[in-house]
Amino acid sequence: MRVCYANVKLAKQCTGLKEATKLFGGNKTLAISLLARINAMEQAETIKDIIVMPQFHFHNLQGKMNGLFAIDVKTRRDQWRLILQPLDENEQPFDPCHIDEIASIVRIVEVREVSPHYE
């Protein structure tokens, strides 16, 4: 699966250990976990490969983030998550985004942000 990023700063945080460690306030364990999550997404064929892995805790978001999804950076006990948006082959968001119907065809995902829950 191809992973793209909402901006250059986010791309650096998700692909560089130094930038990721800085994002997590010096927590190298979280930084390594973030890089591992990105690597797992890149190795997946479709987003369905990520959805079926319970340790990612893939879930849809509601309210103003409707149509976006999240996975945990490390575990459910950590507050950090990756906010994702599935994209079609033209790199456009699915509208409407019914993940159950498109999971087996989504080969591009955009990382919108890395953030703590409820912030």
PDB file of N, CA and C in Angstrom:
ATOM      1  N   MET A   1       0.854  -1.164   0.000  1.00  0.00           N
ATOM      2  CA  MET A   1       0.000   0.000   0.000  1.00  0.00           C
ATOM      3  C   MET A   1       0.902   1.229   0.000  1.00  0.00           C
ATOM      4  N   ARG A   2       0.470   2.245  -0.709  1.00  0.00           N
ATOM      5  CA  ARG A   2       1.241   3.484  -0.742  1.00  0.00           C
ATOM      6  C   ARG A   2       0.734   4.415   0.354  1.00  0.00           C
ATOM      7  N   VAL A   3       1.677   4.991   1.088  1.00  0.00           N
ATOM      8  CA  VAL A   3       1.348   5.916   2.168  1.00  0.00           C
ATOM      9  C   VAL A   3       1.813   7.302   1.746  1.00  0.00           C
ATOM     10  N   CYS A   4       0.894   8.263   1.776  1.00  0.00           N
ATOM     11  CA  CYS A   4       1.264   9.650   1.533  1.00  0.00           C
ATOM     12  C   CYS A   4       0.903  10.464   2.773  1.00  0.00           C
ATOM     13  N   TYR A   5       1.338  11.695   2.808  1.00  0.00           N
ATOM     14  CA  TYR A   5       1.215  12.508   4.015  1.00  0.00           C
ATOM     15  C   TYR A   5       0.574  13.853   3.702  1.00  0.00           C
ATOM     16  N   ALA A   6      -0.127  14.401   4.686  1.00  0.00           N
ATOM     17  CA  ALA A   6      -0.835  15.671   4.517  1.00  0.00           C
ATOM     18  C   ALA A   6       0.119  16.839   4.284  1.00  0.00           C
ATOM     19  N   ASN A   7       1.341  16.749   4.848  1.00  0.00           N
ATOM     20  CA  ASN A   7       2.321  17.807   4.649  1.00  0.00           C
ATOM     21  C   ASN A   7       3.738  17.260   4.860  1.00  0.00           C
ATOM     22  N   VAL A   8       4.727  18.060   4.524  1.00  0.00           N
ATOM     23  CA  VAL A   8       6.125  17.644   4.591  1.00  0.00           C
ATOM     24  C   VAL A   8       6.566  17.399   6.035  1.00  0.00           C
ATOM     25  N   LYS A   9       6.148  18.254   6.957  1.00  0.00           N
ATOM     26  CA  LYS A   9       6.518  18.087   8.362  1.00  0.00           C
ATOM     27  C   LYS A   9       6.027  16.737   8.895  1.00  0.00           C
ATOM     28  N   LEU A  10       4.802  16.393   8.577  1.00  0.00           N
ATOM     29  CA  LEU A  10       4.230  15.120   9.007  1.00  0.00           C
ATOM     30  C   LEU A  10       4.986  13.948   8.388  1.00  0.00           C
ATOM     31  N   ALA A  11       5.361  14.067   7.123  1.00  0.00           N
ATOM     32  CA  ALA A  11       6.131  13.011   6.461  1.00  0.00           C
ATOM     33  C   ALA A  11       7.458  12.779   7.180  1.00  0.00           C
ATOM     34  N   LYS A  12       8.121  13.852   7.588  1.00  0.00           N
ATOM     35  CA  LYS A  12       9.389  13.720   8.311  1.00  0.00           C
ATOM     36  C   LYS A  12       9.183  13.076   9.673  1.00  0.00           C
ATOM     37  N   GLN A  13       8.086  13.437  10.359  1.00  0.00           N
ATOM     38  CA  GLN A  13       7.807  12.850  11.671  1.00  0.00           C
ATOM     39  C   GLN A  13       7.502  11.363  11.565  1.00  0.00           C
ATOM     40  N   CYS A  14       6.895  10.950  10.473  1.00  0.00           N
ATOM     41  CA  CYS A  14       6.494   9.550  10.314  1.00  0.00           C
ATOM     42  C   CYS A  14       7.571   8.672   9.691  1.00  0.00           C
ATOM     43  N   THR A  15       8.642   9.277   9.204  1.00  0.00           N
ATOM     44  CA  THR A  15       9.671   8.487   8.533  1.00  0.00           C
ATOM     45  C   THR A  15      11.068   8.652   9.134  1.00  0.00           C
ATOM     46  N   GLY A  16      11.233   9.601  10.028  1.00  0.00           N
ATOM     47  CA  GLY A  16      12.546   9.824  10.632  1.00  0.00           C
ATOM     48  C   GLY A  16      12.509   9.625  12.136  1.00  0.00           C
ATOM     49  N   LEU A  17      13.432   8.831  12.646  1.00  0.00           N
ATOM     50  CA  LEU A  17      13.459   8.532  14.084  1.00  0.00           C
ATOM     51  C   LEU A  17      13.671   9.788  14.925  1.00  0.00           C
ATOM     52  N   LYS A  18      14.544  10.665  14.491  1.00  0.00           N
ATOM     53  CA  LYS A  18      14.828  11.891  15.257  1.00  0.00           C
ATOM     54  C   LYS A  18      13.581  12.770  15.358  1.00  0.00           C
ATOM     55  N   GLU A  19      12.896  12.968  14.225  1.00  0.00           N
ATOM     56  CA  GLU A  19      11.699  13.815  14.215  1.00  0.00           C
ATOM     57  C   GLU A  19      10.556  13.168  14.996  1.00  0.00           C
ATOM     58  N   ALA A  20      10.429  11.844  14.880  1.00  0.00           N
ATOM     59  CA  ALA A  20       9.375  11.129  15.606  1.00  0.00           C
ATOM     60  C   ALA A  20       9.617  11.199  17.114  1.00  0.00           C
ATOM     61  N   THR A  21      10.865  11.041  17.524  1.00  0.00           N
ATOM     62  CA  THR A  21      11.199  11.116  18.949  1.00  0.00           C
ATOM     63  C   THR A  21      10.870  12.502  19.495  1.00  0.00           C
ATOM     64  N   LYS A  22      11.165  13.522  18.717  1.00  0.00           N
ATOM     65  CA  LYS A  22      10.856  14.895  19.124  1.00  0.00           C
ATOM     66  C   LYS A  22       9.340  15.092  19.251  1.00  0.00           C
ATOM     67  N   LEU A  23       8.569  14.532  18.305  1.00  0.00           N
ATOM     68  CA  LEU A  23       7.111  14.629  18.337  1.00  0.00           C
ATOM     69  C   LEU A  23       6.548  14.066  19.643  1.00  0.00           C
ATOM     70  N   PHE A  24       7.132  12.966  20.121  1.00  0.00           N
ATOM     71  CA  PHE A  24       6.650  12.299  21.332  1.00  0.00           C
ATOM     72  C   PHE A  24       7.382  12.756  22.589  1.00  0.00           C
ATOM     73  N   GLY A  25       7.965  13.935  22.545  1.00  0.00           N
ATOM     74  CA  GLY A  25       8.600  14.502  23.722  1.00  0.00           C
ATOM     75  C   GLY A  25       9.789  13.690  24.224  1.00  0.00           C
ATOM     76  N   GLY A  26      10.518  13.067  23.312  1.00  0.00           N
ATOM     77  CA  GLY A  26      11.695  12.301  23.685  1.00  0.00           C
ATOM     78  C   GLY A  26      11.432  10.822  23.921  1.00  0.00           C
ATOM     79  N   ASN A  27      10.190  10.387  23.779  1.00  0.00           N
ATOM     80  CA  ASN A  27       9.844   8.980  23.998  1.00  0.00           C
ATOM     81  C   ASN A  27      10.226   8.170  22.760  1.00  0.00           C
ATOM     82  N   LYS A  28      11.390   7.524  22.828  1.00  0.00           N
ATOM     83  CA  LYS A  28      11.908   6.772  21.687  1.00  0.00           C
ATOM     84  C   LYS A  28      11.081   5.514  21.411  1.00  0.00           C
ATOM     85  N   THR A  29      10.495   4.928  22.440  1.00  0.00           N
ATOM     86  CA  THR A  29       9.662   3.734  22.260  1.00  0.00           C
ATOM     87  C   THR A  29       8.450   4.043  21.380  1.00  0.00           C
ATOM     88  N   LEU A  30       7.780   5.160  21.644  1.00  0.00           N
ATOM     89  CA  LEU A  30       6.645   5.565  20.810  1.00  0.00           C
ATOM     90  C   LEU A  30       7.110   5.889  19.394  1.00  0.00           C
ATOM     91  N   ALA A  31       8.260   6.528  19.269  1.00  0.00           N
ATOM     92  CA  ALA A  31       8.794   6.880  17.955  1.00  0.00           C
ATOM     93  C   ALA A  31       9.056   5.626  17.120  1.00  0.00           C
ATOM     94  N   ILE A  32       9.652   4.624  17.722  1.00  0.00           N
ATOM     95  CA  ILE A  32       9.928   3.368  17.018  1.00  0.00           C
ATOM     96  C   ILE A  32       8.620   2.683  16.635  1.00  0.00           C
ATOM     97  N   SER A  33       7.647   2.732  17.515  1.00  0.00           N
ATOM     98  CA  SER A  33       6.341   2.132  17.226  1.00  0.00           C
ATOM     99  C   SER A  33       5.665   2.839  16.051  1.00  0.00           C
ATOM    100  N   LEU A  34       5.764   4.162  15.990  1.00  0.00           N
ATOM    101  CA  LEU A  34       5.196   4.920  14.873  1.00  0.00           C
ATOM    102  C   LEU A  34       5.838   4.481  13.559  1.00  0.00           C
ATOM    103  N   LEU A  35       7.158   4.401  13.540  1.00  0.00           N
ATOM    104  CA  LEU A  35       7.855   3.988  12.323  1.00  0.00           C
ATOM    105  C   LEU A  35       7.463   2.561  11.928  1.00  0.00           C
ATOM    106  N   ALA A  36       7.255   1.706  12.909  1.00  0.00           N
ATOM    107  CA  ALA A  36       6.828   0.333  12.636  1.00  0.00           C
ATOM    108  C   ALA A  36       5.419   0.304  12.040  1.00  0.00           C
ATOM    109  N   ARG A  37       4.524   1.150  12.529  1.00  0.00           N
ATOM    110  CA  ARG A  37       3.162   1.221  11.985  1.00  0.00           C
ATOM    111  C   ARG A  37       3.190   1.673  10.521  1.00  0.00           C
ATOM    112  N   ILE A  38       3.992   2.682  10.253  1.00  0.00           N
ATOM    113  CA  ILE A  38       4.126   3.180   8.874  1.00  0.00           C
ATOM    114  C   ILE A  38       4.675   2.067   7.982  1.00  0.00           C
ATOM    115  N   ASN A  39       5.694   1.365   8.469  1.00  0.00           N
ATOM    116  CA  ASN A  39       6.277   0.270   7.705  1.00  0.00           C
ATOM    117  C   ASN A  39       5.238  -0.822   7.436  1.00  0.00           C
ATOM    118  N   ALA A  40       4.439  -1.158   8.433  1.00  0.00           N
ATOM    119  CA  ALA A  40       3.399  -2.180   8.263  1.00  0.00           C
ATOM    120  C   ALA A  40       2.385  -1.752   7.199  1.00  0.00           C
ATOM    121  N   MET A  41       2.020  -0.475   7.194  1.00  0.00           N
ATOM    122  CA  MET A  41       1.082   0.009   6.184  1.00  0.00           C
ATOM    123  C   MET A  41       1.700  -0.068   4.791  1.00  0.00           C
ATOM    124  N   GLU A  42       2.979   0.275   4.689  1.00  0.00           N
ATOM    125  CA  GLU A  42       3.659   0.212   3.393  1.00  0.00           C
ATOM    126  C   GLU A  42       3.766  -1.231   2.891  1.00  0.00           C
ATOM    127  N   GLN A  43       3.902  -2.174   3.800  1.00  0.00           N
ATOM    128  CA  GLN A  43       4.016  -3.583   3.425  1.00  0.00           C
ATOM    129  C   GLN A  43       2.664  -4.223   3.091  1.00  0.00           C
ATOM    130  N   ALA A  44       1.589  -3.633   3.564  1.00  0.00           N
ATOM    131  CA  ALA A  44       0.249  -4.173   3.311  1.00  0.00           C
ATOM    132  C   ALA A  44      -0.114  -4.001   1.842  1.00  0.00           C
ATOM    133  N   GLU A  45      -0.897  -4.930   1.331  1.00  0.00           N
ATOM    134  CA  GLU A  45      -1.359  -4.822  -0.047  1.00  0.00           C
ATOM    135  C   GLU A  45      -2.535  -3.851  -0.145  1.00  0.00           C
ATOM    136  N   THR A  46      -3.482  -3.977   0.780  1.00  0.00           N
ATOM    137  CA  THR A  46      -4.635  -3.078   0.832  1.00  0.00           C
ATOM    138  C   THR A  46      -4.883  -2.709   2.297  1.00  0.00           C
ATOM    139  N   ILE A  47      -5.770  -1.758   2.505  1.00  0.00           N
ATOM    140  CA  ILE A  47      -6.075  -1.332   3.868  1.00  0.00           C
ATOM    141  C   ILE A  47      -6.750  -2.450   4.669  1.00  0.00           C
ATOM    142  N   LYS A  48      -7.345  -3.399   3.981  1.00  0.00           N
ATOM    143  CA  LYS A  48      -7.970  -4.530   4.663  1.00  0.00           C
ATOM    144  C   LYS A  48      -6.939  -5.307   5.490  1.00  0.00           C
ATOM    145  N   ASP A  49      -5.696  -5.369   5.003  1.00  0.00           N
ATOM    146  CA  ASP A  49      -4.624  -6.043   5.739  1.00  0.00           C
ATOM    147  C   ASP A  49      -4.364  -5.369   7.090  1.00  0.00           C
ATOM    148  N   ILE A  50      -4.592  -4.086   7.175  1.00  0.00           N
ATOM    149  CA  ILE A  50      -4.419  -3.338   8.427  1.00  0.00           C
ATOM    150  C   ILE A  50      -5.657  -3.507   9.314  1.00  0.00           C
ATOM    151  N   ILE A  51      -6.825  -3.444   8.706  1.00  0.00           N
ATOM    152  CA  ILE A  51      -8.082  -3.553   9.451  1.00  0.00           C
ATOM    153  C   ILE A  51      -8.154  -4.856  10.232  1.00  0.00           C
ATOM    154  N   VAL A  52      -7.698  -5.946   9.648  1.00  0.00           N
ATOM    155  CA  VAL A  52      -7.843  -7.266  10.283  1.00  0.00           C
ATOM    156  C   VAL A  52      -6.817  -7.533  11.386  1.00  0.00           C
ATOM    157  N   MET A  53      -5.862  -6.638  11.576  1.00  0.00           N
ATOM    158  CA  MET A  53      -4.852  -6.822  12.623  1.00  0.00           C
ATOM    159  C   MET A  53      -5.316  -6.148  13.910  1.00  0.00           C
ATOM    160  N   PRO A  54      -5.712  -6.926  14.922  1.00  0.00           N
ATOM    161  CA  PRO A  54      -6.293  -6.348  16.139  1.00  0.00           C
ATOM    162  C   PRO A  54      -5.374  -5.378  16.873  1.00  0.00           C
ATOM    163  N   GLN A  55      -4.070  -5.568  16.803  1.00  0.00           N
ATOM    164  CA  GLN A  55      -3.156  -4.683  17.537  1.00  0.00           C
ATOM    165  C   GLN A  55      -3.167  -3.242  17.015  1.00  0.00           C
ATOM    166  N   PHE A  56      -3.659  -3.031  15.791  1.00  0.00           N
ATOM    167  CA  PHE A  56      -3.749  -1.676  15.246  1.00  0.00           C
ATOM    168  C   PHE A  56      -4.982  -0.938  15.760  1.00  0.00           C
ATOM    169  N   HIS A  57      -5.993  -1.670  16.193  1.00  0.00           N
ATOM    170  CA  HIS A  57      -7.273  -1.105  16.642  1.00  0.00           C
ATOM    171  C   HIS A  57      -7.787  -0.068  15.634  1.00  0.00           C
ATOM    172  N   PHE A  58      -7.953  -0.511  14.393  1.00  0.00           N
ATOM    173  CA  PHE A  58      -8.489   0.333  13.327  1.00  0.00           C
ATOM    174  C   PHE A  58      -9.935   0.687  13.661  1.00  0.00           C
ATOM    175  N   HIS A  59     -10.256   1.980  13.653  1.00  0.00           N
ATOM    176  CA  HIS A  59     -11.618   2.398  13.949  1.00  0.00           C
ATOM    177  C   HIS A  59     -11.968   3.682  13.211  1.00  0.00           C
ATOM    178  N   ASN A  60     -13.260   3.844  12.933  1.00  0.00           N
ATOM    179  CA  ASN A  60     -13.714   5.047  12.243  1.00  0.00           C
ATOM    180  C   ASN A  60     -13.902   6.176  13.242  1.00  0.00           C
ATOM    181  N   LEU A  61     -13.801   7.385  12.734  1.00  0.00           N
ATOM    182  CA  LEU A  61     -13.964   8.575  13.568  1.00  0.00           C
ATOM    183  C   LEU A  61     -15.307   9.228  13.247  1.00  0.00           C
ATOM    184  N   GLN A  62     -15.827   9.946  14.196  1.00  0.00           N
ATOM    185  CA  GLN A  62     -17.150  10.559  14.071  1.00  0.00           C
ATOM    186  C   GLN A  62     -17.043  12.085  14.072  1.00  0.00           C
ATOM    187  N   GLY A  63     -18.170  12.723  13.913  1.00  0.00           N
ATOM    188  CA  GLY A  63     -18.247  14.183  13.995  1.00  0.00           C
ATOM    189  C   GLY A  63     -17.515  14.859  12.861  1.00  0.00           C
ATOM    190  N   LYS A  64     -16.712  15.862  13.188  1.00  0.00           N
ATOM    191  CA  LYS A  64     -16.007  16.626  12.156  1.00  0.00           C
ATOM    192  C   LYS A  64     -14.952  15.793  11.437  1.00  0.00           C
ATOM    193  N   MET A  65     -14.615  14.638  11.988  1.00  0.00           N
ATOM    194  CA  MET A  65     -13.628  13.751  11.358  1.00  0.00           C
ATOM    195  C   MET A  65     -14.301  12.557  10.673  1.00  0.00           C
ATOM    196  N   ASN A  66     -15.579  12.667  10.398  1.00  0.00           N
ATOM    197  CA  ASN A  66     -16.303  11.602   9.715  1.00  0.00           C
ATOM    198  C   ASN A  66     -15.650  11.317   8.363  1.00  0.00           C
ATOM    199  N   GLY A  67     -15.470  10.051   8.035  1.00  0.00           N
ATOM    200  CA  GLY A  67     -14.785   9.668   6.792  1.00  0.00           C
ATOM    201  C   GLY A  67     -13.312   9.395   6.995  1.00  0.00           C
ATOM    202  N   LEU A  68     -12.819   9.702   8.206  1.00  0.00           N
ATOM    203  CA  LEU A  68     -11.429   9.418   8.556  1.00  0.00           C
ATOM    204  C   LEU A  68     -11.393   8.238   9.517  1.00  0.00           C
ATOM    205  N   PHE A  69     -10.221   7.642   9.627  1.00  0.00           N
ATOM    206  CA  PHE A  69     -10.053   6.469  10.469  1.00  0.00           C
ATOM    207  C   PHE A  69      -8.797   6.633  11.297  1.00  0.00           C
ATOM    208  N   ALA A  70      -8.669   5.832  12.341  1.00  0.00           N
ATOM    209  CA  ALA A  70      -7.501   5.938  13.205  1.00  0.00           C
ATOM    210  C   ALA A  70      -6.969   4.553  13.540  1.00  0.00           C
ATOM    211  N   ILE A  71      -5.658   4.503  13.763  1.00  0.00           N
ATOM    212  CA  ILE A  71      -5.024   3.315  14.334  1.00  0.00           C
ATOM    213  C   ILE A  71      -4.151   3.791  15.490  1.00  0.00           C
ATOM    214  N   ASP A  72      -3.954   2.913  16.457  1.00  0.00           N
ATOM    215  CA  ASP A  72      -3.114   3.254  17.597  1.00  0.00           C
ATOM    216  C   ASP A  72      -1.650   3.270  17.183  1.00  0.00           C
ATOM    217  N   VAL A  73      -0.902   4.236  17.711  1.00  0.00           N
ATOM    218  CA  VAL A  73       0.531   4.278  17.445  1.00  0.00           C
ATOM    219  C   VAL A  73       1.223   3.104  18.135  1.00  0.00           C
ATOM    220  N   LYS A  74       0.814   2.811  19.368  1.00  0.00           N
ATOM    221  CA  LYS A  74       1.427   1.689  20.082  1.00  0.00           C
ATOM    222  C   LYS A  74       0.357   0.743  20.623  1.00  0.00           C
ATOM    223  N   THR A  75      -0.355   1.151  21.664  1.00  0.00           N
ATOM    224  CA  THR A  75      -1.398   0.315  22.259  1.00  0.00           C
ATOM    225  C   THR A  75      -2.603   1.174  22.610  1.00  0.00           C
ATOM    226  N   ARG A  76      -3.674   0.525  23.044  1.00  0.00           N
ATOM    227  CA  ARG A  76      -4.869   1.248  23.471  1.00  0.00           C
ATOM    228  C   ARG A  76      -4.584   2.105  24.699  1.00  0.00           C
ATOM    229  N   ARG A  77      -3.629   1.710  25.515  1.00  0.00           N
ATOM    230  CA  ARG A  77      -3.331   2.466  26.737  1.00  0.00           C
ATOM    231  C   ARG A  77      -2.594   3.767  26.461  1.00  0.00           C
ATOM    232  N   ASP A  78      -1.928   3.856  25.310  1.00  0.00           N
ATOM    233  CA  ASP A  78      -1.263   5.101  24.930  1.00  0.00           C
ATOM    234  C   ASP A  78      -2.273   6.007  24.252  1.00  0.00           C
ATOM    235  N   GLN A  79      -2.113   7.291  24.425  1.00  0.00           N
ATOM    236  CA  GLN A  79      -3.096   8.232  23.879  1.00  0.00           C
ATOM    237  C   GLN A  79      -2.882   8.537  22.388  1.00  0.00           C
ATOM    238  N   TRP A  80      -1.759   8.172  21.816  1.00  0.00           N
ATOM    239  CA  TRP A  80      -1.421   8.574  20.458  1.00  0.00           C
ATOM    240  C   TRP A  80      -2.062   7.700  19.396  1.00  0.00           C
ATOM    241  N   ARG A  81      -2.486   8.334  18.301  1.00  0.00           N
ATOM    242  CA  ARG A  81      -3.057   7.606  17.181  1.00  0.00           C
ATOM    243  C   ARG A  81      -2.682   8.282  15.860  1.00  0.00           C
ATOM    244  N   LEU A  82      -2.724   7.490  14.803  1.00  0.00           N
ATOM    245  CA  LEU A  82      -2.528   7.972  13.434  1.00  0.00           C
ATOM    246  C   LEU A  82      -3.903   8.177  12.820  1.00  0.00           C
ATOM    247  N   ILE A  83      -4.156   9.343  12.262  1.00  0.00           N
ATOM    248  CA  ILE A  83      -5.415   9.628  11.589  1.00  0.00           C
ATOM    249  C   ILE A  83      -5.199   9.383  10.085  1.00  0.00           C
ATOM    250  N   LEU A  84      -6.026   8.520   9.501  1.00  0.00           N
ATOM    251  CA  LEU A  84      -5.853   8.086   8.119  1.00  0.00           C
ATOM    252  C   LEU A  84      -7.069   8.418   7.271  1.00  0.00           C
ATOM    253  N   GLN A  85      -6.800   8.651   5.976  1.00  0.00           N
ATOM    254  CA  GLN A  85      -7.886   8.821   5.016  1.00  0.00           C
ATOM    255  C   GLN A  85      -7.601   7.923   3.813  1.00  0.00           C
ATOM    256  N   PRO A  86      -8.495   6.980   3.535  1.00  0.00           N
ATOM    257  CA  PRO A  86      -8.328   6.139   2.345  1.00  0.00           C
ATOM    258  C   PRO A  86      -8.520   6.977   1.077  1.00  0.00           C
ATOM    259  N   LEU A  87      -7.681   6.725   0.075  1.00  0.00           N
ATOM    260  CA  LEU A  87      -7.771   7.445  -1.190  1.00  0.00           C
ATOM    261  C   LEU A  87      -7.965   6.468  -2.338  1.00  0.00           C
ATOM    262  N   ASP A  88      -8.628   6.936  -3.405  1.00  0.00           N
ATOM    263  CA  ASP A  88      -8.809   6.091  -4.586  1.00  0.00           C
ATOM    264  C   ASP A  88      -7.556   6.159  -5.459  1.00  0.00           C
ATOM    265  N   GLU A  89      -7.585   5.508  -6.617  1.00  0.00           N
ATOM    266  CA  GLU A  89      -6.395   5.455  -7.484  1.00  0.00           C
ATOM    267  C   GLU A  89      -5.996   6.819  -8.038  1.00  0.00           C
ATOM    268  N   ASN A  90      -6.892   7.800  -7.971  1.00  0.00           N
ATOM    269  CA  ASN A  90      -6.590   9.171  -8.397  1.00  0.00           C
ATOM    270  C   ASN A  90      -6.185  10.057  -7.220  1.00  0.00           C
ATOM    271  N   GLU A  91      -5.942   9.413  -6.070  1.00  0.00           N
ATOM    272  CA  GLU A  91      -5.568  10.084  -4.826  1.00  0.00           C
ATOM    273  C   GLU A  91      -6.638  11.054  -4.338  1.00  0.00           C
ATOM    274  N   GLN A  92      -7.896  10.687  -4.552  1.00  0.00           N
ATOM    275  CA  GLN A  92      -9.031  11.466  -4.078  1.00  0.00           C
ATOM    276  C   GLN A  92      -9.742  10.688  -2.982  1.00  0.00           C
ATOM    277  N   PRO A  93     -10.294  11.382  -1.978  1.00  0.00           N
ATOM    278  CA  PRO A  93     -11.035  10.690  -0.917  1.00  0.00           C
ATOM    279  C   PRO A  93     -12.283  10.017  -1.471  1.00  0.00           C
ATOM    280  N   PHE A  94     -12.641   8.893  -0.891  1.00  0.00           N
ATOM    281  CA  PHE A  94     -13.874   8.217  -1.251  1.00  0.00           C
ATOM    282  C   PHE A  94     -15.042   9.009  -0.658  1.00  0.00           C
ATOM    283  N   ASP A  95     -16.090   9.232  -1.461  1.00  0.00           N
ATOM    284  CA  ASP A  95     -17.249   9.961  -0.972  1.00  0.00           C
ATOM    285  C   ASP A  95     -18.513   9.292  -1.494  1.00  0.00           C
ATOM    286  N   PRO A  96     -19.294   8.658  -0.671  1.00  0.00           N
ATOM    287  CA  PRO A  96     -19.092   8.455   0.768  1.00  0.00           C
ATOM    288  C   PRO A  96     -18.050   7.367   1.013  1.00  0.00           C
ATOM    289  N   CYS A  97     -17.540   7.356   2.211  1.00  0.00           N
ATOM    290  CA  CYS A  97     -16.471   6.424   2.565  1.00  0.00           C
ATOM    291  C   CYS A  97     -17.023   5.294   3.435  1.00  0.00           C
ATOM    292  N   HIS A  98     -17.477   4.234   2.794  1.00  0.00           N
ATOM    293  CA  HIS A  98     -17.966   3.052   3.505  1.00  0.00           C
ATOM    294  C   HIS A  98     -16.841   2.026   3.506  1.00  0.00           C
ATOM    295  N   ILE A  99     -16.075   2.000   4.563  1.00  0.00           N
ATOM    296  CA  ILE A  99     -14.856   1.189   4.615  1.00  0.00           C
ATOM    297  C   ILE A  99     -15.127  -0.287   4.388  1.00  0.00           C
ATOM    298  N   ASP A 100     -16.272  -0.786   4.834  1.00  0.00           N
ATOM    299  CA  ASP A 100     -16.602  -2.200   4.631  1.00  0.00           C
ATOM    300  C   ASP A 100     -16.684  -2.555   3.148  1.00  0.00           C
ATOM    301  N   GLU A 101     -17.105  -1.614   2.335  1.00  0.00           N
ATOM    302  CA  GLU A 101     -17.268  -1.854   0.903  1.00  0.00           C
ATOM    303  C   GLU A 101     -15.984  -1.648   0.114  1.00  0.00           C
ATOM    304  N   ILE A 102     -15.085  -0.802   0.601  1.00  0.00           N
ATOM    305  CA  ILE A 102     -13.891  -0.441  -0.178  1.00  0.00           C
ATOM    306  C   ILE A 102     -12.586  -1.012   0.367  1.00  0.00           C
ATOM    307  N   ALA A 103     -12.615  -1.654   1.510  1.00  0.00           N
ATOM    308  CA  ALA A 103     -11.384  -2.101   2.183  1.00  0.00           C
ATOM    309  C   ALA A 103     -10.468  -2.939   1.303  1.00  0.00           C
ATOM    310  N   SER A 104     -11.042  -3.770   0.464  1.00  0.00           N
ATOM    311  CA  SER A 104     -10.204  -4.655  -0.344  1.00  0.00           C
ATOM    312  C   SER A 104      -9.647  -3.990  -1.601  1.00  0.00           C
ATOM    313  N   ILE A 105     -10.041  -2.739  -1.881  1.00  0.00           N
ATOM    314  CA  ILE A 105      -9.506  -2.054  -3.065  1.00  0.00           C
ATOM    315  C   ILE A 105      -8.651  -0.827  -2.733  1.00  0.00           C
ATOM    316  N   VAL A 106      -8.626  -0.408  -1.473  1.00  0.00           N
ATOM    317  CA  VAL A 106      -7.859   0.779  -1.096  1.00  0.00           C
ATOM    318  C   VAL A 106      -6.375   0.435  -1.043  1.00  0.00           C
ATOM    319  N   ARG A 107      -5.611   1.038  -1.953  1.00  0.00           N
ATOM    320  CA  ARG A 107      -4.170   0.799  -2.027  1.00  0.00           C
ATOM    321  C   ARG A 107      -3.349   2.055  -1.725  1.00  0.00           C
ATOM    322  N   ILE A 108      -4.057   3.152  -1.438  1.00  0.00           N
ATOM    323  CA  ILE A 108      -3.399   4.410  -1.091  1.00  0.00           C
ATOM    324  C   ILE A 108      -4.070   4.959   0.154  1.00  0.00           C
ATOM    325  N   VAL A 109      -3.270   5.372   1.118  1.00  0.00           N
ATOM    326  CA  VAL A 109      -3.819   5.971   2.328  1.00  0.00           C
ATOM    327  C   VAL A 109      -3.000   7.220   2.656  1.00  0.00           C
ATOM    328  N   GLU A 110      -3.698   8.264   3.071  1.00  0.00           N
ATOM    329  CA  GLU A 110      -3.022   9.501   3.474  1.00  0.00           C
ATOM    330  C   GLU A 110      -3.027   9.597   4.989  1.00  0.00           C
ATOM    331  N   VAL A 111      -1.847   9.834   5.562  1.00  0.00           N
ATOM    332  CA  VAL A 111      -1.752  10.107   6.990  1.00  0.00           C
ATOM    333  C   VAL A 111      -2.058  11.587   7.151  1.00  0.00           C
ATOM    334  N   ARG A 112      -3.161  11.876   7.841  1.00  0.00           N
ATOM    335  CA  ARG A 112      -3.599  13.264   8.021  1.00  0.00           C
ATOM    336  C   ARG A 112      -2.933  13.922   9.219  1.00  0.00           C
ATOM    337  N   GLU A 113      -2.731  13.129  10.291  1.00  0.00           N
ATOM    338  CA  GLU A 113      -2.069  13.656  11.481  1.00  0.00           C
ATOM    339  C   GLU A 113      -1.696  12.532  12.441  1.00  0.00           C
ATOM    340  N   VAL A 114      -0.782  12.850  13.314  1.00  0.00           N
ATOM    341  CA  VAL A 114      -0.448  11.994  14.449  1.00  0.00           C
ATOM    342  C   VAL A 114      -0.782  12.832  15.673  1.00  0.00           C
ATOM    343  N   SER A 115      -1.730  12.359  16.483  1.00  0.00           N
ATOM    344  CA  SER A 115      -2.183  13.201  17.589  1.00  0.00           C
ATOM    345  C   SER A 115      -2.646  12.379  18.773  1.00  0.00           C
ATOM    346  N   PRO A 116      -2.672  13.019  19.939  1.00  0.00           N
ATOM    347  CA  PRO A 116      -3.247  12.339  21.104  1.00  0.00           C
ATOM    348  C   PRO A 116      -4.768  12.294  20.965  1.00  0.00           C
ATOM    349  N   HIS A 117      -5.387  11.296  21.557  1.00  0.00           N
ATOM    350  CA  HIS A 117      -6.845  11.187  21.522  1.00  0.00           C
ATOM    351  C   HIS A 117      -7.487  12.449  22.091  1.00  0.00           C
ATOM    352  N   TYR A 118      -8.559  12.855  21.471  1.00  0.00           N
ATOM    353  CA  TYR A 118      -9.447  13.918  21.972  1.00  0.00           C
ATOM    354  C   TYR A 118      -8.799  15.272  22.070  1.00  0.00           C
ATOM    355  N   GLU A 119      -7.757  15.529  21.307  1.00  0.00           N
ATOM    356  CA  GLU A 119      -7.194  16.869  21.288  1.00  0.00           C
ATOM    357  C   GLU A 119      -7.522  17.558  20.002  1.00  0.00           C
TER     358      GLU A 119
END
